[in-house]
Amino acid sequence: MNIMLVCNAGMSTGMLAKKMEKISEGKCKVKAYGIAEYMDYLENVNIILVGPQIRFEYEDIKKTAGGIPVLNIDPLKYGSMDAASILKTVYVELGGRNNE
């Protein structure tokens, strides 16, 4: 499964992306991008997660996602880097498909 994290510049979500990949035990590839560049990397993405600092961009991201599911990351889970809970939310959103 390919998960995209989008934040202001792509840096603040980088640590979360690495933690999510590790916790998924190789089941997910997680990449972080800034709002200015994410559209260049939408190919083969299963879901887009929007960082709390750019929640105001959610509707615009959803419009440009081309049918890819888009979710806001819960600010508390983001702030505590709770990668396991964020992954669980992703799996639920995608119908429990955690082994693609």
C-alpha atoms as a PDB file:
ATOM      1  CA  MET A   1       0.000   0.000   0.000  1.00  0.00           C
ATOM      2  CA  ASN A   2       1.253   3.468  -0.861  1.00  0.00           C
ATOM      3  CA  ILE A   3       0.427   6.248   1.586  1.00  0.00           C
ATOM      4  CA  MET A   4       1.138   9.918   0.945  1.00  0.00           C
ATOM      5  CA  LEU A   5       1.447  12.434   3.765  1.00  0.00           C
ATOM      6  CA  VAL A   6       1.062  16.080   2.805  1.00  0.00           C
ATOM      7  CA  CYS A   7       2.149  18.959   5.019  1.00  0.00           C
ATOM      8  CA  ASN A   8       3.400  22.481   4.600  1.00  0.00           C
ATOM      9  CA  ALA A   9       6.902  21.674   3.345  1.00  0.00           C
ATOM     10  CA  GLY A  10       7.084  17.882   3.639  1.00  0.00           C
ATOM     11  CA  MET A  11       9.608  17.929   6.464  1.00  0.00           C
ATOM     12  CA  SER A  12       7.449  17.770   9.563  1.00  0.00           C
ATOM     13  CA  THR A  13       5.726  14.597   8.349  1.00  0.00           C
ATOM     14  CA  GLY A  14       8.972  12.898   7.349  1.00  0.00           C
ATOM     15  CA  MET A  15       9.537  11.425  10.800  1.00  0.00           C
ATOM     16  CA  LEU A  16       5.938  10.232  10.971  1.00  0.00           C
ATOM     17  CA  ALA A  17       6.256   8.619   7.532  1.00  0.00           C
ATOM     18  CA  LYS A  18       9.329   6.652   8.617  1.00  0.00           C
ATOM     19  CA  LYS A  19       7.633   5.523  11.811  1.00  0.00           C
ATOM     20  CA  MET A  20       4.515   4.421   9.904  1.00  0.00           C
ATOM     21  CA  GLU A  21       6.597   2.391   7.450  1.00  0.00           C
ATOM     22  CA  LYS A  22       8.434   0.682  10.292  1.00  0.00           C
ATOM     23  CA  ILE A  23       5.255  -0.161  12.194  1.00  0.00           C
ATOM     24  CA  SER A  24       3.598  -1.526   9.033  1.00  0.00           C
ATOM     25  CA  GLU A  25       6.377  -4.141   8.827  1.00  0.00           C
ATOM     26  CA  GLY A  26       6.886  -3.593   5.116  1.00  0.00           C
ATOM     27  CA  LYS A  27       3.199  -3.576   4.186  1.00  0.00           C
ATOM     28  CA  CYS A  28       3.149   0.168   3.476  1.00  0.00           C
ATOM     29  CA  LYS A  29       5.337   2.635   1.662  1.00  0.00           C
ATOM     30  CA  VAL A  30       4.833   6.036   3.229  1.00  0.00           C
ATOM     31  CA  LYS A  31       6.168   9.215   1.664  1.00  0.00           C
ATOM     32  CA  ALA A  32       5.864  12.816   2.850  1.00  0.00           C
ATOM     33  CA  TYR A  33       5.539  15.764   0.480  1.00  0.00           C
ATOM     34  CA  GLY A  34       4.945  19.465   0.753  1.00  0.00           C
ATOM     35  CA  ILE A  35       1.749  21.088  -0.446  1.00  0.00           C
ATOM     36  CA  ALA A  36       3.624  22.631  -3.376  1.00  0.00           C
ATOM     37  CA  GLU A  37       4.837  19.290  -4.742  1.00  0.00           C
ATOM     38  CA  TYR A  38       2.424  16.497  -3.810  1.00  0.00           C
ATOM     39  CA  MET A  39       0.552  16.613  -7.130  1.00  0.00           C
ATOM     40  CA  ASP A  40       3.682  15.403  -8.928  1.00  0.00           C
ATOM     41  CA  TYR A  41       3.614  12.124  -6.958  1.00  0.00           C
ATOM     42  CA  LEU A  42      -0.035  10.965  -7.027  1.00  0.00           C
ATOM     43  CA  GLU A  43       0.565   7.939  -9.255  1.00  0.00           C
ATOM     44  CA  ASN A  44      -0.026   4.615  -7.445  1.00  0.00           C
ATOM     45  CA  VAL A  45      -1.049   6.333  -4.187  1.00  0.00           C
ATOM     46  CA  ASN A  46      -3.794   4.491  -2.263  1.00  0.00           C
ATOM     47  CA  ILE A  47      -4.570   7.240   0.249  1.00  0.00           C
ATOM     48  CA  ILE A  48      -3.517  10.798   1.075  1.00  0.00           C
ATOM     49  CA  LEU A  49      -3.206  12.005   4.671  1.00  0.00           C
ATOM     50  CA  VAL A  50      -3.228  15.752   5.295  1.00  0.00           C
ATOM     51  CA  GLY A  51      -1.163  17.164   8.149  1.00  0.00           C
ATOM     52  CA  PRO A  52      -2.947  19.277  10.773  1.00  0.00           C
ATOM     53  CA  GLN A  53      -0.951  22.386   9.888  1.00  0.00           C
ATOM     54  CA  ILE A  54      -2.594  22.494   6.435  1.00  0.00           C
ATOM     55  CA  ARG A  55      -6.109  21.253   7.265  1.00  0.00           C
ATOM     56  CA  PHE A  56      -7.414  24.325   5.453  1.00  0.00           C
ATOM     57  CA  GLU A  57      -6.099  22.759   2.204  1.00  0.00           C
ATOM     58  CA  TYR A  58      -8.170  19.563   2.642  1.00  0.00           C
ATOM     59  CA  GLU A  59     -10.921  20.410   0.135  1.00  0.00           C
ATOM     60  CA  ASP A  60      -8.437  21.553  -2.527  1.00  0.00           C
ATOM     61  CA  ILE A  61      -6.354  18.398  -2.071  1.00  0.00           C
ATOM     62  CA  LYS A  62      -9.484  16.280  -2.307  1.00  0.00           C
ATOM     63  CA  LYS A  63     -10.433  17.994  -5.586  1.00  0.00           C
ATOM     64  CA  THR A  64      -7.012  17.374  -7.136  1.00  0.00           C
ATOM     65  CA  ALA A  65      -6.625  13.812  -5.800  1.00  0.00           C
ATOM     66  CA  GLY A  66      -8.398  12.211  -8.731  1.00  0.00           C
ATOM     67  CA  GLY A  67     -10.555   9.891  -6.635  1.00  0.00           C
ATOM     68  CA  ILE A  68      -7.833   8.920  -4.147  1.00  0.00           C
ATOM     69  CA  PRO A  69      -9.243   8.899  -0.590  1.00  0.00           C
ATOM     70  CA  VAL A  70      -8.092  11.904   1.453  1.00  0.00           C
ATOM     71  CA  LEU A  71      -8.114  12.093   5.256  1.00  0.00           C
ATOM     72  CA  ASN A  72      -7.072  14.717   7.768  1.00  0.00           C
ATOM     73  CA  ILE A  73      -4.601  13.418  10.340  1.00  0.00           C
ATOM     74  CA  ASP A  74      -5.945  13.759  13.867  1.00  0.00           C
ATOM     75  CA  PRO A  75      -3.917  16.574  15.497  1.00  0.00           C
ATOM     76  CA  LEU A  76      -3.450  14.654  18.772  1.00  0.00           C
ATOM     77  CA  LYS A  77      -2.227  11.533  16.981  1.00  0.00           C
ATOM     78  CA  TYR A  78       0.027  13.662  14.794  1.00  0.00           C
ATOM     79  CA  GLY A  79       1.461  15.600  17.736  1.00  0.00           C
ATOM     80  CA  SER A  80       2.285  12.421  19.637  1.00  0.00           C
ATOM     81  CA  MET A  81       3.548  10.686  16.463  1.00  0.00           C
ATOM     82  CA  ASP A  82       1.064   7.861  17.111  1.00  0.00           C
ATOM     83  CA  ALA A  83       1.857   6.038  13.882  1.00  0.00           C
ATOM     84  CA  ALA A  84       0.021   2.881  14.939  1.00  0.00           C
ATOM     85  CA  SER A  85      -3.293   4.707  15.439  1.00  0.00           C
ATOM     86  CA  ILE A  86      -2.892   6.629  12.202  1.00  0.00           C
ATOM     87  CA  LEU A  87      -2.238   3.379  10.315  1.00  0.00           C
ATOM     88  CA  LYS A  88      -5.286   1.802  11.932  1.00  0.00           C
ATOM     89  CA  THR A  89      -7.385   4.712  10.659  1.00  0.00           C
ATOM     90  CA  VAL A  90      -5.957   4.177   7.167  1.00  0.00           C
ATOM     91  CA  TYR A  91      -6.736   0.456   7.234  1.00  0.00           C
ATOM     92  CA  VAL A  92     -10.307   1.124   8.366  1.00  0.00           C
ATOM     93  CA  GLU A  93     -10.786   3.758   5.654  1.00  0.00           C
ATOM     94  CA  LEU A  94      -9.550   1.358   2.991  1.00  0.00           C
ATOM     95  CA  GLY A  95     -11.726  -1.484   4.177  1.00  0.00           C
ATOM     96  CA  GLY A  96      -9.162  -3.295   6.295  1.00  0.00           C
ATOM     97  CA  ARG A  97      -6.752  -3.839   3.416  1.00  0.00           C
ATOM     98  CA  ASN A  98      -3.457  -3.703   5.280  1.00  0.00           C
ATOM     99  CA  ASN A  99      -1.470  -6.195   3.258  1.00  0.00           C
ATOM    100  CA  GLU A 100      -1.360  -4.721  -0.250  1.00  0.00           C
END
